N, C-alpha and C. Protein backbone atom coordinates (compact mmCIF):
# COMPACT_ATOMS: atom_id res chain seq x y z
N MET A 1 0.85 -1.20 0.00
CA MET A 1 0.00 0.00 0.00
C MET A 1 0.88 1.25 0.00
N ILE A 2 0.52 2.21 -0.84
CA ILE A 2 1.27 3.47 -0.90
C ILE A 2 0.91 4.33 0.31
N ILE A 3 1.94 4.81 1.02
CA ILE A 3 1.74 5.66 2.18
C ILE A 3 2.46 6.99 1.95
N PRO A 4 2.08 8.06 2.71
CA PRO A 4 2.65 9.39 2.47
C PRO A 4 4.17 9.46 2.51
N SER A 5 4.81 8.63 3.32
CA SER A 5 6.26 8.73 3.49
C SER A 5 7.05 7.99 2.40
N HIS A 6 6.37 7.33 1.48
CA HIS A 6 7.07 6.60 0.44
C HIS A 6 7.84 7.54 -0.49
N SER A 7 8.99 7.09 -0.93
CA SER A 7 9.74 7.80 -1.96
C SER A 7 9.10 7.53 -3.31
N PRO A 8 9.38 8.34 -4.34
CA PRO A 8 8.82 8.07 -5.67
C PRO A 8 9.13 6.66 -6.17
N GLU A 9 10.35 6.17 -5.91
CA GLU A 9 10.68 4.81 -6.34
C GLU A 9 9.80 3.78 -5.64
N GLU A 10 9.54 3.99 -4.35
CA GLU A 10 8.68 3.06 -3.60
C GLU A 10 7.24 3.14 -4.08
N VAL A 11 6.78 4.35 -4.43
CA VAL A 11 5.43 4.52 -4.97
C VAL A 11 5.27 3.70 -6.24
N VAL A 12 6.24 3.82 -7.15
CA VAL A 12 6.18 3.07 -8.41
C VAL A 12 6.21 1.58 -8.15
N ARG A 13 7.06 1.15 -7.24
CA ARG A 13 7.17 -0.27 -6.94
C ARG A 13 5.86 -0.83 -6.38
N GLU A 14 5.23 -0.09 -5.48
CA GLU A 14 3.96 -0.54 -4.92
C GLU A 14 2.86 -0.54 -5.98
N ALA A 15 2.87 0.47 -6.85
CA ALA A 15 1.86 0.53 -7.91
C ALA A 15 2.02 -0.63 -8.88
N MET A 16 3.24 -1.01 -9.18
CA MET A 16 3.48 -2.15 -10.06
C MET A 16 2.87 -3.43 -9.47
N ARG A 17 2.98 -3.60 -8.16
CA ARG A 17 2.40 -4.78 -7.52
C ARG A 17 0.86 -4.76 -7.64
N ASP A 18 0.30 -3.56 -7.71
CA ASP A 18 -1.14 -3.39 -7.73
C ASP A 18 -1.73 -3.43 -9.15
N LEU A 19 -0.88 -3.42 -10.16
CA LEU A 19 -1.37 -3.37 -11.54
C LEU A 19 -2.35 -4.49 -11.89
N PRO A 20 -2.06 -5.76 -11.56
CA PRO A 20 -3.00 -6.82 -11.95
C PRO A 20 -4.41 -6.59 -11.43
N ALA A 21 -4.55 -6.13 -10.18
CA ALA A 21 -5.88 -5.86 -9.62
C ALA A 21 -6.56 -4.73 -10.38
N MET A 22 -5.80 -3.69 -10.71
CA MET A 22 -6.38 -2.55 -11.42
C MET A 22 -6.86 -2.97 -12.81
N TRP A 23 -6.01 -3.70 -13.56
CA TRP A 23 -6.40 -4.13 -14.90
C TRP A 23 -7.60 -5.07 -14.86
N ASN A 24 -7.66 -5.94 -13.86
CA ASN A 24 -8.79 -6.86 -13.75
C ASN A 24 -10.09 -6.09 -13.54
N LYS A 25 -10.05 -5.06 -12.70
CA LYS A 25 -11.24 -4.25 -12.45
C LYS A 25 -11.63 -3.44 -13.68
N MET A 26 -10.65 -2.98 -14.45
CA MET A 26 -10.92 -2.11 -15.59
C MET A 26 -11.31 -2.86 -16.85
N LYS A 27 -11.13 -4.17 -16.88
CA LYS A 27 -11.35 -4.92 -18.12
C LYS A 27 -12.76 -4.71 -18.68
N GLY A 28 -13.77 -4.80 -17.82
CA GLY A 28 -15.15 -4.63 -18.27
C GLY A 28 -15.39 -3.22 -18.80
N ARG A 29 -14.86 -2.22 -18.12
CA ARG A 29 -15.05 -0.83 -18.55
C ARG A 29 -14.36 -0.58 -19.89
N ILE A 30 -13.18 -1.14 -20.05
CA ILE A 30 -12.46 -0.99 -21.32
C ILE A 30 -13.23 -1.67 -22.45
N ASP A 31 -13.75 -2.87 -22.21
CA ASP A 31 -14.52 -3.57 -23.24
C ASP A 31 -15.74 -2.77 -23.65
N ARG A 32 -16.44 -2.19 -22.68
CA ARG A 32 -17.63 -1.40 -23.00
C ARG A 32 -17.27 -0.16 -23.81
N LEU A 33 -16.17 0.51 -23.44
CA LEU A 33 -15.75 1.69 -24.19
C LEU A 33 -15.33 1.32 -25.60
N GLN A 34 -14.65 0.20 -25.76
CA GLN A 34 -14.26 -0.25 -27.10
C GLN A 34 -15.48 -0.49 -27.98
N ARG A 35 -16.53 -1.09 -27.41
CA ARG A 35 -17.75 -1.33 -28.19
C ARG A 35 -18.40 -0.01 -28.59
N ARG A 36 -18.42 0.95 -27.67
CA ARG A 36 -19.01 2.26 -27.98
C ARG A 36 -18.21 2.98 -29.05
N MET A 37 -16.87 2.83 -29.00
CA MET A 37 -16.02 3.50 -29.99
C MET A 37 -16.39 3.12 -31.42
N ARG A 38 -16.84 1.88 -31.61
CA ARG A 38 -17.13 1.38 -32.96
C ARG A 38 -18.35 2.05 -33.58
N VAL A 39 -19.25 2.57 -32.73
CA VAL A 39 -20.50 3.12 -33.26
C VAL A 39 -20.69 4.60 -32.96
N ASP A 40 -19.97 5.13 -31.98
CA ASP A 40 -20.17 6.52 -31.57
C ASP A 40 -18.94 7.35 -31.91
N LYS A 41 -18.99 8.05 -33.02
CA LYS A 41 -17.84 8.85 -33.46
C LYS A 41 -17.58 10.05 -32.56
N SER A 42 -18.57 10.46 -31.78
CA SER A 42 -18.39 11.62 -30.91
C SER A 42 -17.38 11.36 -29.79
N LEU A 43 -17.06 10.08 -29.56
CA LEU A 43 -16.09 9.74 -28.50
C LEU A 43 -14.66 10.01 -28.92
N ARG A 44 -14.42 10.12 -30.22
CA ARG A 44 -13.04 10.24 -30.70
C ARG A 44 -12.38 11.50 -30.18
N MET A 45 -11.18 11.34 -29.65
CA MET A 45 -10.35 12.42 -29.10
C MET A 45 -11.00 13.11 -27.90
N MET A 46 -11.94 12.42 -27.25
CA MET A 46 -12.56 12.93 -26.03
C MET A 46 -12.01 12.14 -24.84
N PRO A 47 -11.16 12.75 -24.02
CA PRO A 47 -10.55 12.01 -22.90
C PRO A 47 -11.59 11.48 -21.92
N GLN A 48 -11.35 10.26 -21.46
CA GLN A 48 -12.18 9.63 -20.44
C GLN A 48 -11.30 9.37 -19.22
N LEU A 49 -11.85 9.60 -18.04
CA LEU A 49 -11.07 9.41 -16.82
C LEU A 49 -11.86 8.55 -15.84
N GLU A 50 -11.33 7.37 -15.54
CA GLU A 50 -11.96 6.44 -14.60
C GLU A 50 -11.21 6.45 -13.28
N GLN A 51 -11.96 6.36 -12.19
CA GLN A 51 -11.36 6.30 -10.86
C GLN A 51 -11.51 4.89 -10.28
N TYR A 52 -10.52 4.47 -9.54
CA TYR A 52 -10.57 3.14 -8.94
C TYR A 52 -9.70 3.13 -7.68
N ARG A 53 -10.25 2.55 -6.62
CA ARG A 53 -9.48 2.32 -5.40
C ARG A 53 -9.34 0.82 -5.23
N SER A 54 -8.11 0.34 -5.22
CA SER A 54 -7.85 -1.10 -5.23
C SER A 54 -8.03 -1.68 -3.83
N PRO A 55 -8.16 -3.02 -3.74
CA PRO A 55 -8.24 -3.66 -2.42
C PRO A 55 -7.03 -3.36 -1.55
N ALA A 56 -5.89 -3.06 -2.17
CA ALA A 56 -4.69 -2.73 -1.40
C ALA A 56 -4.73 -1.31 -0.86
N GLY A 57 -5.75 -0.53 -1.23
CA GLY A 57 -5.90 0.82 -0.73
C GLY A 57 -5.25 1.88 -1.60
N ASN A 58 -4.86 1.53 -2.82
CA ASN A 58 -4.22 2.50 -3.71
C ASN A 58 -5.25 3.16 -4.61
N ASN A 59 -5.05 4.44 -4.88
CA ASN A 59 -5.98 5.24 -5.68
C ASN A 59 -5.46 5.38 -7.10
N TRP A 60 -6.32 5.07 -8.07
CA TRP A 60 -5.94 5.11 -9.48
C TRP A 60 -6.83 6.07 -10.25
N LEU A 61 -6.22 6.76 -11.20
CA LEU A 61 -6.94 7.51 -12.23
C LEU A 61 -6.49 6.93 -13.57
N ILE A 62 -7.40 6.32 -14.29
CA ILE A 62 -7.05 5.68 -15.56
C ILE A 62 -7.57 6.56 -16.69
N ALA A 63 -6.63 7.19 -17.40
CA ALA A 63 -6.97 8.08 -18.51
C ALA A 63 -7.06 7.28 -19.80
N MET A 64 -8.13 7.52 -20.57
CA MET A 64 -8.32 6.82 -21.83
C MET A 64 -8.69 7.82 -22.92
N LEU A 65 -8.07 7.66 -24.08
CA LEU A 65 -8.32 8.56 -25.20
C LEU A 65 -8.67 7.73 -26.43
N PRO A 66 -9.95 7.68 -26.81
CA PRO A 66 -10.34 6.93 -28.01
C PRO A 66 -9.98 7.70 -29.28
N THR A 67 -9.47 7.00 -30.27
CA THR A 67 -9.34 7.55 -31.62
C THR A 67 -10.14 6.65 -32.55
N LYS A 68 -9.97 6.81 -33.84
CA LYS A 68 -10.77 6.03 -34.77
C LYS A 68 -10.54 4.54 -34.61
N LYS A 69 -9.29 4.13 -34.39
CA LYS A 69 -8.97 2.71 -34.34
C LYS A 69 -8.28 2.27 -33.06
N VAL A 70 -7.82 3.22 -32.26
CA VAL A 70 -6.98 2.88 -31.10
C VAL A 70 -7.57 3.47 -29.83
N LEU A 71 -7.51 2.68 -28.77
CA LEU A 71 -7.85 3.18 -27.44
C LEU A 71 -6.55 3.36 -26.67
N ASN A 72 -6.14 4.60 -26.47
CA ASN A 72 -4.93 4.90 -25.71
C ASN A 72 -5.28 4.90 -24.22
N ILE A 73 -4.48 4.22 -23.43
CA ILE A 73 -4.74 4.10 -21.99
C ILE A 73 -3.47 4.43 -21.21
N ALA A 74 -3.61 5.28 -20.20
CA ALA A 74 -2.47 5.62 -19.34
C ALA A 74 -2.93 5.60 -17.89
N PRO A 75 -2.48 4.63 -17.10
CA PRO A 75 -2.87 4.57 -15.68
C PRO A 75 -1.96 5.44 -14.81
N PHE A 76 -2.58 6.21 -13.94
CA PHE A 76 -1.86 7.04 -12.97
C PHE A 76 -2.30 6.61 -11.57
N VAL A 77 -1.34 6.42 -10.68
CA VAL A 77 -1.65 6.21 -9.28
C VAL A 77 -1.40 7.54 -8.56
N TRP A 78 -2.29 7.90 -7.63
CA TRP A 78 -2.11 9.17 -6.93
C TRP A 78 -2.17 8.95 -5.41
N TYR A 79 -1.59 9.89 -4.70
CA TYR A 79 -1.56 9.81 -3.24
C TYR A 79 -1.26 11.20 -2.69
N ARG A 80 -1.37 11.35 -1.40
CA ARG A 80 -1.03 12.61 -0.73
C ARG A 80 0.21 12.37 0.11
N GLY A 81 1.19 13.26 -0.04
CA GLY A 81 2.43 13.13 0.71
C GLY A 81 2.27 13.53 2.16
N CYS A 82 3.38 13.51 2.89
CA CYS A 82 3.36 13.88 4.31
C CYS A 82 2.90 15.31 4.53
N ASP A 83 3.06 16.17 3.51
CA ASP A 83 2.60 17.56 3.60
C ASP A 83 1.14 17.72 3.22
N GLY A 84 0.48 16.63 2.86
CA GLY A 84 -0.93 16.68 2.49
C GLY A 84 -1.20 17.04 1.05
N ASN A 85 -0.14 17.28 0.28
CA ASN A 85 -0.30 17.68 -1.12
C ASN A 85 -0.35 16.48 -2.05
N TYR A 86 -1.00 16.68 -3.20
CA TYR A 86 -1.19 15.59 -4.15
C TYR A 86 0.04 15.37 -5.02
N ARG A 87 0.29 14.10 -5.28
CA ARG A 87 1.33 13.68 -6.22
C ARG A 87 0.77 12.51 -7.03
N ALA A 88 1.36 12.25 -8.18
CA ALA A 88 0.88 11.16 -9.02
C ALA A 88 2.04 10.54 -9.77
N ALA A 89 1.84 9.31 -10.21
CA ALA A 89 2.86 8.63 -11.03
C ALA A 89 2.17 7.94 -12.19
N ARG A 90 2.71 8.14 -13.38
CA ARG A 90 2.22 7.47 -14.58
C ARG A 90 2.93 6.12 -14.66
N ILE A 91 2.17 5.05 -14.56
CA ILE A 91 2.73 3.71 -14.42
C ILE A 91 2.66 2.97 -15.74
N MET A 92 3.82 2.49 -16.21
CA MET A 92 3.90 1.77 -17.47
C MET A 92 4.64 0.46 -17.26
N GLU A 93 3.92 -0.65 -17.40
CA GLU A 93 4.56 -1.96 -17.28
C GLU A 93 5.47 -2.18 -18.49
N GLY A 94 6.74 -2.47 -18.24
CA GLY A 94 7.68 -2.67 -19.34
C GLY A 94 8.14 -1.39 -19.99
N GLY A 95 7.82 -0.23 -19.40
CA GLY A 95 8.24 1.06 -19.94
C GLY A 95 8.73 1.97 -18.83
N VAL A 96 8.87 3.25 -19.14
CA VAL A 96 9.34 4.23 -18.16
C VAL A 96 8.16 4.75 -17.35
N CYS A 97 8.30 4.77 -16.03
CA CYS A 97 7.30 5.35 -15.15
C CYS A 97 7.75 6.76 -14.76
N HIS A 98 6.81 7.68 -14.73
CA HIS A 98 7.12 9.08 -14.42
C HIS A 98 6.36 9.51 -13.17
N HIS A 99 7.08 9.95 -12.15
CA HIS A 99 6.49 10.47 -10.92
C HIS A 99 6.40 11.99 -11.05
N ILE A 100 5.21 12.53 -10.81
CA ILE A 100 4.97 13.98 -10.95
C ILE A 100 4.84 14.59 -9.57
N SER A 101 5.69 15.58 -9.29
CA SER A 101 5.72 16.18 -7.97
C SER A 101 4.58 17.17 -7.78
N HIS A 102 4.32 17.51 -6.52
CA HIS A 102 3.32 18.53 -6.19
C HIS A 102 3.68 19.87 -6.84
N HIS A 103 4.96 20.20 -6.87
CA HIS A 103 5.39 21.48 -7.43
C HIS A 103 4.98 21.62 -8.89
N ALA A 104 5.06 20.54 -9.66
CA ALA A 104 4.66 20.60 -11.06
C ALA A 104 3.17 20.89 -11.18
N PHE A 105 2.35 20.31 -10.31
CA PHE A 105 0.91 20.58 -10.34
C PHE A 105 0.62 22.03 -9.95
N VAL A 106 1.38 22.57 -9.01
CA VAL A 106 1.21 23.97 -8.62
C VAL A 106 1.51 24.90 -9.79
N GLN A 107 2.60 24.63 -10.51
CA GLN A 107 2.93 25.44 -11.68
C GLN A 107 1.86 25.33 -12.75
N TYR A 108 1.30 24.15 -12.91
CA TYR A 108 0.20 23.97 -13.86
C TYR A 108 -1.00 24.82 -13.45
N GLU A 109 -1.31 24.81 -12.17
CA GLU A 109 -2.43 25.62 -11.66
C GLU A 109 -2.19 27.11 -11.93
N GLU A 110 -0.99 27.59 -11.68
CA GLU A 110 -0.68 29.00 -11.87
C GLU A 110 -0.84 29.42 -13.32
N ARG A 111 -0.58 28.48 -14.24
CA ARG A 111 -0.67 28.81 -15.66
C ARG A 111 -2.10 28.71 -16.18
N PHE A 112 -2.88 27.74 -15.71
CA PHE A 112 -4.16 27.47 -16.35
C PHE A 112 -5.39 27.72 -15.48
N ASN A 113 -5.31 27.51 -14.18
CA ASN A 113 -6.52 27.66 -13.37
C ASN A 113 -6.15 27.87 -11.91
N ARG A 114 -6.40 29.08 -11.40
CA ARG A 114 -6.03 29.40 -10.03
C ARG A 114 -7.16 29.15 -9.03
N THR A 115 -8.29 28.63 -9.48
CA THR A 115 -9.46 28.56 -8.61
C THR A 115 -9.81 27.16 -8.15
N VAL A 116 -9.20 26.13 -8.70
CA VAL A 116 -9.63 24.77 -8.39
C VAL A 116 -8.84 24.19 -7.22
N ASP A 117 -9.41 23.14 -6.61
CA ASP A 117 -8.72 22.44 -5.53
C ASP A 117 -7.71 21.47 -6.12
N GLY A 118 -6.86 20.92 -5.24
CA GLY A 118 -5.76 20.08 -5.70
C GLY A 118 -6.21 18.85 -6.47
N MET A 119 -7.26 18.18 -6.02
CA MET A 119 -7.74 16.99 -6.70
C MET A 119 -8.27 17.31 -8.10
N THR A 120 -9.07 18.37 -8.20
CA THR A 120 -9.61 18.77 -9.51
C THR A 120 -8.49 19.14 -10.46
N ARG A 121 -7.50 19.86 -9.93
CA ARG A 121 -6.37 20.27 -10.76
C ARG A 121 -5.61 19.06 -11.28
N MET A 122 -5.38 18.08 -10.42
CA MET A 122 -4.67 16.87 -10.83
C MET A 122 -5.45 16.11 -11.89
N LYS A 123 -6.75 15.94 -11.70
CA LYS A 123 -7.59 15.26 -12.68
C LYS A 123 -7.56 15.99 -14.02
N GLU A 124 -7.63 17.31 -13.96
CA GLU A 124 -7.61 18.11 -15.18
C GLU A 124 -6.30 17.91 -15.93
N PHE A 125 -5.20 17.96 -15.21
CA PHE A 125 -3.90 17.77 -15.85
C PHE A 125 -3.81 16.40 -16.50
N ILE A 126 -4.22 15.36 -15.78
CA ILE A 126 -4.09 14.00 -16.29
C ILE A 126 -4.97 13.79 -17.52
N SER A 127 -6.21 14.25 -17.47
CA SER A 127 -7.11 14.03 -18.61
C SER A 127 -6.65 14.79 -19.84
N ARG A 128 -6.06 15.96 -19.66
CA ARG A 128 -5.63 16.76 -20.81
C ARG A 128 -4.24 16.39 -21.31
N ASN A 129 -3.45 15.76 -20.45
CA ASN A 129 -2.03 15.56 -20.78
C ASN A 129 -1.58 14.11 -20.57
N MET A 130 -2.44 13.17 -20.88
CA MET A 130 -2.13 11.76 -20.61
C MET A 130 -1.09 11.17 -21.54
N ILE A 131 -0.94 11.72 -22.75
CA ILE A 131 0.01 11.17 -23.72
C ILE A 131 1.35 11.85 -23.55
N PHE A 132 2.39 11.07 -23.29
CA PHE A 132 3.73 11.59 -23.03
C PHE A 132 4.65 11.30 -24.21
N GLY A 133 5.49 12.28 -24.55
CA GLY A 133 6.63 12.07 -25.44
C GLY A 133 7.86 12.51 -24.66
N ALA A 134 8.93 11.73 -24.67
CA ALA A 134 10.05 12.01 -23.76
C ALA A 134 11.39 12.01 -24.47
N GLU A 135 12.29 12.85 -23.97
CA GLU A 135 13.70 12.85 -24.35
C GLU A 135 14.52 13.01 -23.08
N TYR A 136 15.77 12.58 -23.12
CA TYR A 136 16.63 12.71 -21.95
C TYR A 136 18.03 13.07 -22.39
N CYS A 137 18.79 13.66 -21.45
CA CYS A 137 20.17 14.03 -21.69
C CYS A 137 21.07 13.01 -21.01
N ALA A 138 21.87 12.30 -21.79
CA ALA A 138 22.74 11.27 -21.23
C ALA A 138 23.81 11.86 -20.32
N ALA A 139 24.21 13.12 -20.58
CA ALA A 139 25.30 13.72 -19.81
C ALA A 139 24.93 14.01 -18.37
N ASP A 140 23.73 14.55 -18.14
CA ASP A 140 23.38 14.96 -16.78
C ASP A 140 22.13 14.28 -16.23
N GLY A 141 21.51 13.38 -17.01
CA GLY A 141 20.36 12.65 -16.52
C GLY A 141 19.06 13.42 -16.51
N GLU A 142 19.03 14.59 -17.16
CA GLU A 142 17.78 15.36 -17.20
C GLU A 142 16.77 14.68 -18.13
N VAL A 143 15.52 14.69 -17.71
CA VAL A 143 14.43 14.11 -18.48
C VAL A 143 13.43 15.22 -18.80
N ARG A 144 13.01 15.28 -20.06
CA ARG A 144 11.97 16.22 -20.46
C ARG A 144 10.84 15.45 -21.12
N VAL A 145 9.62 15.76 -20.70
CA VAL A 145 8.44 15.04 -21.19
C VAL A 145 7.49 16.05 -21.82
N GLY A 146 7.19 15.86 -23.09
CA GLY A 146 6.24 16.72 -23.79
C GLY A 146 4.82 16.23 -23.57
N VAL A 147 3.92 17.15 -23.25
CA VAL A 147 2.50 16.85 -23.11
C VAL A 147 1.72 17.86 -23.95
N THR A 148 0.42 17.76 -23.96
CA THR A 148 -0.41 18.60 -24.82
C THR A 148 -0.22 20.08 -24.54
N GLU A 149 -0.12 20.45 -23.27
CA GLU A 149 -0.13 21.87 -22.90
C GLU A 149 1.24 22.41 -22.53
N GLY A 150 2.31 21.68 -22.81
CA GLY A 150 3.64 22.18 -22.50
C GLY A 150 4.59 21.03 -22.29
N TYR A 151 5.53 21.22 -21.36
CA TYR A 151 6.34 20.05 -21.00
C TYR A 151 6.82 20.08 -19.57
N LEU A 152 7.17 18.87 -19.13
CA LEU A 152 7.63 18.64 -17.77
C LEU A 152 9.12 18.34 -17.78
N LYS A 153 9.82 18.83 -16.75
CA LYS A 153 11.25 18.59 -16.65
C LYS A 153 11.56 17.90 -15.32
N GLY A 154 12.57 17.05 -15.35
CA GLY A 154 12.98 16.37 -14.14
C GLY A 154 14.26 15.59 -14.34
N MET A 155 14.47 14.58 -13.51
CA MET A 155 15.70 13.79 -13.54
C MET A 155 15.35 12.31 -13.41
N TRP A 156 16.30 11.47 -13.87
CA TRP A 156 16.16 10.04 -13.62
C TRP A 156 16.33 9.76 -12.13
N LEU A 157 15.47 8.93 -11.57
CA LEU A 157 15.69 8.34 -10.26
C LEU A 157 16.29 6.95 -10.41
N VAL A 158 15.73 6.19 -11.36
CA VAL A 158 16.29 4.92 -11.79
C VAL A 158 16.45 5.04 -13.30
N PRO A 159 17.67 5.10 -13.82
CA PRO A 159 17.87 5.38 -15.25
C PRO A 159 17.01 4.49 -16.15
N HIS A 160 16.25 5.17 -17.02
CA HIS A 160 15.42 4.51 -18.04
C HIS A 160 14.29 3.66 -17.44
N GLN A 161 14.03 3.87 -16.15
CA GLN A 161 12.91 3.16 -15.52
C GLN A 161 11.96 4.09 -14.78
N VAL A 162 12.51 4.98 -13.94
CA VAL A 162 11.68 5.89 -13.15
C VAL A 162 12.28 7.30 -13.21
N SER A 163 11.45 8.28 -13.56
CA SER A 163 11.89 9.67 -13.52
C SER A 163 11.07 10.44 -12.50
N GLN A 164 11.65 11.52 -11.99
CA GLN A 164 10.96 12.44 -11.09
C GLN A 164 10.79 13.76 -11.83
N LEU A 165 9.54 14.12 -12.15
CA LEU A 165 9.25 15.34 -12.89
C LEU A 165 8.81 16.42 -11.91
N THR A 166 9.56 17.52 -11.87
CA THR A 166 9.35 18.53 -10.84
C THR A 166 8.93 19.89 -11.37
N THR A 167 9.03 20.11 -12.68
CA THR A 167 8.77 21.44 -13.23
C THR A 167 7.85 21.34 -14.43
N PHE A 168 6.80 22.18 -14.45
CA PHE A 168 5.92 22.26 -15.61
C PHE A 168 6.15 23.60 -16.30
N VAL A 169 6.37 23.56 -17.61
CA VAL A 169 6.55 24.77 -18.42
C VAL A 169 5.48 24.76 -19.49
N SER A 170 4.62 25.78 -19.52
CA SER A 170 3.57 25.82 -20.53
C SER A 170 4.16 26.14 -21.89
N GLU A 171 3.46 25.76 -22.94
CA GLU A 171 4.01 25.88 -24.28
C GLU A 171 4.36 27.31 -24.65
N GLY A 172 3.59 28.29 -24.17
CA GLY A 172 3.85 29.69 -24.50
C GLY A 172 5.06 30.28 -23.81
N MET A 173 5.69 29.55 -22.89
CA MET A 173 6.84 30.06 -22.15
C MET A 173 8.15 29.37 -22.53
N LEU A 174 8.14 28.57 -23.59
CA LEU A 174 9.33 27.83 -23.98
C LEU A 174 10.36 28.72 -24.68
N PHE A 175 11.63 28.45 -24.46
CA PHE A 175 12.71 29.10 -25.20
C PHE A 175 12.80 28.48 -26.60
N PRO A 176 13.47 29.16 -27.55
CA PRO A 176 13.51 28.65 -28.93
C PRO A 176 14.01 27.21 -29.05
N ASP A 177 15.07 26.85 -28.30
CA ASP A 177 15.57 25.47 -28.39
C ASP A 177 14.56 24.49 -27.80
N GLN A 178 13.81 24.96 -26.79
CA GLN A 178 12.79 24.10 -26.19
C GLN A 178 11.60 23.92 -27.13
N VAL A 179 11.29 24.96 -27.92
CA VAL A 179 10.20 24.86 -28.90
C VAL A 179 10.52 23.78 -29.91
N GLU A 180 11.77 23.74 -30.38
CA GLU A 180 12.17 22.72 -31.34
C GLU A 180 12.08 21.33 -30.72
N GLN A 181 12.51 21.21 -29.48
CA GLN A 181 12.41 19.93 -28.79
C GLN A 181 10.94 19.54 -28.61
N MET A 182 10.11 20.51 -28.29
CA MET A 182 8.69 20.24 -28.12
C MET A 182 8.08 19.69 -29.41
N ARG A 183 8.50 20.21 -30.54
CA ARG A 183 8.00 19.72 -31.82
C ARG A 183 8.37 18.26 -32.03
N ARG A 184 9.59 17.90 -31.64
CA ARG A 184 10.00 16.50 -31.77
C ARG A 184 9.15 15.60 -30.88
N MET A 185 8.91 16.07 -29.66
CA MET A 185 8.11 15.26 -28.75
C MET A 185 6.64 15.22 -29.17
N ASP A 186 6.17 16.27 -29.83
CA ASP A 186 4.82 16.25 -30.38
C ASP A 186 4.69 15.16 -31.44
N GLU A 187 5.74 14.98 -32.23
CA GLU A 187 5.72 13.91 -33.24
C GLU A 187 5.65 12.54 -32.57
N GLN A 188 6.40 12.37 -31.48
CA GLN A 188 6.31 11.12 -30.72
C GLN A 188 4.87 10.88 -30.26
N ARG A 189 4.27 11.93 -29.70
CA ARG A 189 2.93 11.79 -29.16
C ARG A 189 1.92 11.49 -30.26
N ALA A 190 2.11 12.10 -31.43
CA ALA A 190 1.20 11.84 -32.54
C ALA A 190 1.28 10.39 -32.98
N GLN A 191 2.49 9.81 -32.97
CA GLN A 191 2.65 8.41 -33.33
C GLN A 191 2.00 7.49 -32.30
N ILE A 192 2.02 7.90 -31.04
CA ILE A 192 1.38 7.10 -29.99
C ILE A 192 -0.14 7.15 -30.14
N ILE A 193 -0.67 8.35 -30.41
CA ILE A 193 -2.11 8.52 -30.51
C ILE A 193 -2.67 7.80 -31.73
N ARG A 194 -1.98 7.90 -32.86
CA ARG A 194 -2.47 7.28 -34.09
C ARG A 194 -1.38 6.42 -34.71
N PRO A 195 -1.02 5.33 -34.06
CA PRO A 195 0.04 4.48 -34.61
C PRO A 195 -0.43 3.70 -35.82
N VAL A 196 0.53 3.23 -36.61
CA VAL A 196 0.21 2.33 -37.70
C VAL A 196 -0.03 0.95 -37.10
N ARG A 197 -1.23 0.42 -37.29
CA ARG A 197 -1.59 -0.83 -36.65
C ARG A 197 -1.96 -1.89 -37.68
N LEU A 198 -1.86 -3.13 -37.30
CA LEU A 198 -2.31 -4.22 -38.14
C LEU A 198 -3.83 -4.27 -38.14
N PRO A 199 -4.46 -4.68 -39.24
CA PRO A 199 -5.92 -4.77 -39.27
C PRO A 199 -6.45 -5.63 -38.13
N GLY A 200 -7.52 -5.14 -37.51
CA GLY A 200 -8.16 -5.90 -36.45
C GLY A 200 -7.61 -5.62 -35.06
N SER A 201 -6.56 -4.79 -34.95
CA SER A 201 -6.00 -4.48 -33.63
C SER A 201 -6.36 -3.06 -33.27
N ASN A 202 -6.99 -2.85 -32.11
CA ASN A 202 -7.43 -1.50 -31.77
C ASN A 202 -7.00 -1.05 -30.37
N VAL A 203 -6.11 -1.80 -29.73
CA VAL A 203 -5.54 -1.37 -28.45
C VAL A 203 -4.06 -1.64 -28.48
N LYS A 204 -3.25 -0.64 -28.10
CA LYS A 204 -1.81 -0.82 -28.11
C LYS A 204 -1.42 -1.90 -27.10
N PRO A 205 -0.54 -2.84 -27.48
CA PRO A 205 -0.28 -3.99 -26.62
C PRO A 205 0.34 -3.63 -25.28
N TRP A 206 1.11 -2.54 -25.19
CA TRP A 206 1.73 -2.22 -23.91
C TRP A 206 0.74 -1.58 -22.95
N ASP A 207 -0.45 -1.25 -23.41
CA ASP A 207 -1.43 -0.59 -22.54
C ASP A 207 -2.19 -1.56 -21.65
N LEU A 208 -2.29 -2.81 -22.08
CA LEU A 208 -3.09 -3.78 -21.35
C LEU A 208 -2.21 -4.87 -20.76
N PRO A 209 -2.73 -5.62 -19.82
CA PRO A 209 -1.91 -6.67 -19.19
C PRO A 209 -1.41 -7.66 -20.22
N ARG A 210 -0.26 -8.20 -19.96
CA ARG A 210 0.27 -9.23 -20.84
C ARG A 210 -0.62 -10.46 -20.75
N PRO A 211 -0.89 -11.12 -21.87
CA PRO A 211 -1.78 -12.29 -21.84
C PRO A 211 -1.20 -13.41 -20.98
N ALA A 212 -2.10 -14.16 -20.35
CA ALA A 212 -1.66 -15.27 -19.52
C ALA A 212 -1.03 -16.35 -20.38
N ARG A 213 0.06 -16.91 -19.89
CA ARG A 213 0.76 -17.95 -20.64
C ARG A 213 0.32 -19.34 -20.18
């Protein structure tokens, strides 16, 4: 169970243990949304956000973005630290997990909405910015993650496995070199949202649990 005193690495580790329970609970909801996607075009590019509290006591926000053929899914686990502030981690089995600090959410609030509470602000950020494109600097371990409304900056905690994202920069505040980098990460995100898929496949394989062997 994730507790306030956990480090970001411990949060990710506990969330990984909880993934099977979360996916099992979400399977029915995902199936229903997939069926609706086939007949309801109004769902396309409309973010969906599901909440789930696991038997282990962990809180999940599962962001889903339907497109014409693909259902993009990004699970986030959230918790409140010892200071009572909200933090979240984007959990990817077999990929890079990103822990988002309270400070990044505060900067997001200052840029986009100064009136909402912490939970609403976190939900808003996740639903609008669920698709990540990332680059890193091998020399100093800095990680930059492009999202819809700007980008997040941080450092590796576990190289190529867990990053800590501490700073949010909105797109209108980027320096020229950052704008060019943002364009590259936008291309990554576009490929994730609308990948080239084989006929008959409508969910990216890394988004769902690995099939039982």
